[in-house]
């Protein structure tokens, strides 16, 4: 989770972008910052492992497991977007 000051900054940026009519097409949780996108991929993979384990847990509820499976799919799409972003960044740098 982000610190209160970071969350406040993110809120202000979102509000400004919305005011300017700019749509945010991608949000990435990057615990170590945008310079370490590979760490963001690791973060999402770890989240998926935890979600998958929760689905497999004895006594887990069907409705909650459907929500977890949905979150896993969203995380997988996010990982693909991050990988594309890394690839694009490398092409620009070359």
C-alpha atoms as a PDB file:
ATOM      1  CA  UNK A   1       0.000   0.000   0.000  1.00  0.00           C
ATOM      2  CA  UNK A   2       1.062   3.537  -0.705  1.00  0.00           C
ATOM      3  CA  UNK A   3       1.644   6.161   1.963  1.00  0.00           C
ATOM      4  CA  UNK A   4      -1.072   8.741   2.677  1.00  0.00           C
ATOM      5  CA  UNK A   5       0.975  11.485   1.003  1.00  0.00           C
ATOM      6  CA  UNK A   6       1.431   9.374  -2.156  1.00  0.00           C
ATOM      7  CA  UNK A   7      -2.287   8.509  -2.276  1.00  0.00           C
ATOM      8  CA  UNK A   8      -3.129  12.204  -1.885  1.00  0.00           C
ATOM      9  CA  UNK A   9      -0.758  13.092  -4.727  1.00  0.00           C
ATOM     10  CA  UNK A  10      -2.281  10.377  -6.935  1.00  0.00           C
ATOM     11  CA  UNK A  11      -5.761  11.703  -6.208  1.00  0.00           C
ATOM     12  CA  UNK A  12      -4.736  15.239  -7.168  1.00  0.00           C
ATOM     13  CA  UNK A  13      -3.124  14.038 -10.408  1.00  0.00           C
ATOM     14  CA  UNK A  14      -6.226  12.000 -11.330  1.00  0.00           C
ATOM     15  CA  UNK A  15      -8.425  15.018 -10.609  1.00  0.00           C
ATOM     16  CA  UNK A  16      -6.234  17.300 -12.728  1.00  0.00           C
ATOM     17  CA  UNK A  17      -6.180  14.838 -15.625  1.00  0.00           C
ATOM     18  CA  UNK A  18      -9.956  14.427 -15.451  1.00  0.00           C
ATOM     19  CA  UNK A  19     -10.353  18.236 -15.422  1.00  0.00           C
ATOM     20  CA  UNK A  20      -8.136  18.456 -18.519  1.00  0.00           C
ATOM     21  CA  UNK A  21     -10.168  15.735 -20.243  1.00  0.00           C
ATOM     22  CA  UNK A  22      -7.292  13.257 -20.240  1.00  0.00           C
ATOM     23  CA  UNK A  23      -8.341   9.640 -19.739  1.00  0.00           C
ATOM     24  CA  UNK A  24      -6.080   7.331 -17.773  1.00  0.00           C
ATOM     25  CA  UNK A  25      -5.814   4.159 -19.850  1.00  0.00           C
ATOM     26  CA  UNK A  26      -3.543   2.205 -17.527  1.00  0.00           C
ATOM     27  CA  UNK A  27      -2.775   2.121 -13.826  1.00  0.00           C
ATOM     28  CA  UNK A  28       0.110   0.048 -12.526  1.00  0.00           C
ATOM     29  CA  UNK A  29       0.964  -0.681  -8.922  1.00  0.00           C
ATOM     30  CA  UNK A  30       4.718  -0.176  -8.788  1.00  0.00           C
ATOM     31  CA  UNK A  31       5.888  -0.637  -5.198  1.00  0.00           C
ATOM     32  CA  UNK A  32       9.464   0.270  -6.191  1.00  0.00           C
ATOM     33  CA  UNK A  33       8.605   3.066  -8.651  1.00  0.00           C
ATOM     34  CA  UNK A  34       8.364   3.331 -12.423  1.00  0.00           C
ATOM     35  CA  UNK A  35      12.091   2.745 -12.865  1.00  0.00           C
ATOM     36  CA  UNK A  36      11.636  -0.840 -11.684  1.00  0.00           C
ATOM     37  CA  UNK A  37       8.812  -2.171 -13.846  1.00  0.00           C
ATOM     38  CA  UNK A  38      10.178  -5.722 -13.557  1.00  0.00           C
ATOM     39  CA  UNK A  39       9.500  -5.487  -9.818  1.00  0.00           C
ATOM     40  CA  UNK A  40       5.900  -4.554 -10.646  1.00  0.00           C
ATOM     41  CA  UNK A  41       5.609  -7.772 -12.671  1.00  0.00           C
ATOM     42  CA  UNK A  42       6.941  -9.735  -9.694  1.00  0.00           C
ATOM     43  CA  UNK A  43       4.411  -7.954  -7.455  1.00  0.00           C
ATOM     44  CA  UNK A  44       1.465  -8.956  -9.671  1.00  0.00           C
ATOM     45  CA  UNK A  45       2.747 -12.533  -9.962  1.00  0.00           C
ATOM     46  CA  UNK A  46       3.015 -12.759  -6.164  1.00  0.00           C
ATOM     47  CA  UNK A  47      -0.530 -11.419  -5.877  1.00  0.00           C
ATOM     48  CA  UNK A  48      -1.713 -14.103  -8.294  1.00  0.00           C
ATOM     49  CA  UNK A  49       0.013 -16.837  -6.303  1.00  0.00           C
ATOM     50  CA  UNK A  50      -1.675 -15.624  -3.109  1.00  0.00           C
ATOM     51  CA  UNK A  51      -5.056 -15.408  -4.859  1.00  0.00           C
ATOM     52  CA  UNK A  52      -4.636 -18.867  -6.374  1.00  0.00           C
ATOM     53  CA  UNK A  53      -3.744 -20.317  -2.969  1.00  0.00           C
ATOM     54  CA  UNK A  54      -6.819 -18.650  -1.482  1.00  0.00           C
ATOM     55  CA  UNK A  55      -9.001 -20.234  -4.183  1.00  0.00           C
ATOM     56  CA  UNK A  56      -7.530 -23.669  -3.379  1.00  0.00           C
ATOM     57  CA  UNK A  57      -7.942 -23.200   0.386  1.00  0.00           C
ATOM     58  CA  UNK A  58     -10.289 -25.603   2.085  1.00  0.00           C
ATOM     59  CA  UNK A  59     -13.591 -23.949   2.897  1.00  0.00           C
ATOM     60  CA  UNK A  60     -13.183 -20.958   0.593  1.00  0.00           C
ATOM     61  CA  UNK A  61     -16.467 -19.562  -0.690  1.00  0.00           C
ATOM     62  CA  UNK A  62     -17.511 -19.980  -4.336  1.00  0.00           C
ATOM     63  CA  UNK A  63     -18.525 -16.319  -4.849  1.00  0.00           C
ATOM     64  CA  UNK A  64     -15.281 -15.061  -3.332  1.00  0.00           C
ATOM     65  CA  UNK A  65     -13.299 -17.505  -5.479  1.00  0.00           C
ATOM     66  CA  UNK A  66     -14.975 -16.157  -8.623  1.00  0.00           C
ATOM     67  CA  UNK A  67     -13.906 -12.672  -7.562  1.00  0.00           C
ATOM     68  CA  UNK A  68     -10.360 -13.937  -6.971  1.00  0.00           C
ATOM     69  CA  UNK A  69     -10.252 -15.630 -10.397  1.00  0.00           C
ATOM     70  CA  UNK A  70     -11.392 -12.377 -11.983  1.00  0.00           C
ATOM     71  CA  UNK A  71      -8.645 -10.487 -10.172  1.00  0.00           C
ATOM     72  CA  UNK A  72      -6.082 -13.043 -11.378  1.00  0.00           C
ATOM     73  CA  UNK A  73      -7.169 -12.417 -14.992  1.00  0.00           C
ATOM     74  CA  UNK A  74      -6.954  -8.645 -14.532  1.00  0.00           C
ATOM     75  CA  UNK A  75      -3.473  -9.050 -13.043  1.00  0.00           C
ATOM     76  CA  UNK A  76      -2.405 -11.219 -15.991  1.00  0.00           C
ATOM     77  CA  UNK A  77      -3.578  -8.530 -18.430  1.00  0.00           C
ATOM     78  CA  UNK A  78      -1.722  -5.913 -16.393  1.00  0.00           C
ATOM     79  CA  UNK A  79       1.457  -8.012 -16.537  1.00  0.00           C
ATOM     80  CA  UNK A  80       1.124  -8.165 -20.345  1.00  0.00           C
ATOM     81  CA  UNK A  81       0.684  -4.373 -20.486  1.00  0.00           C
ATOM     82  CA  UNK A  82       3.769  -3.846 -18.321  1.00  0.00           C
ATOM     83  CA  UNK A  83       5.788  -6.205 -20.527  1.00  0.00           C
ATOM     84  CA  UNK A  84       4.679  -4.223 -23.597  1.00  0.00           C
ATOM     85  CA  UNK A  85       5.606  -0.995 -21.829  1.00  0.00           C
ATOM     86  CA  UNK A  86       9.085  -2.358 -21.007  1.00  0.00           C
ATOM     87  CA  UNK A  87       9.530  -3.477 -24.622  1.00  0.00           C
ATOM     88  CA  UNK A  88       8.454  -0.055 -25.937  1.00  0.00           C
ATOM     89  CA  UNK A  89      10.770   1.682 -23.474  1.00  0.00           C
ATOM     90  CA  UNK A  90      13.684  -0.450 -24.680  1.00  0.00           C
ATOM     91  CA  UNK A  91      12.925   0.337 -28.344  1.00  0.00           C
ATOM     92  CA  UNK A  92      12.886   4.063 -27.593  1.00  0.00           C
ATOM     93  CA  UNK A  93      16.179   3.803 -25.716  1.00  0.00           C
ATOM     94  CA  UNK A  94      17.829   1.910 -28.598  1.00  0.00           C
END
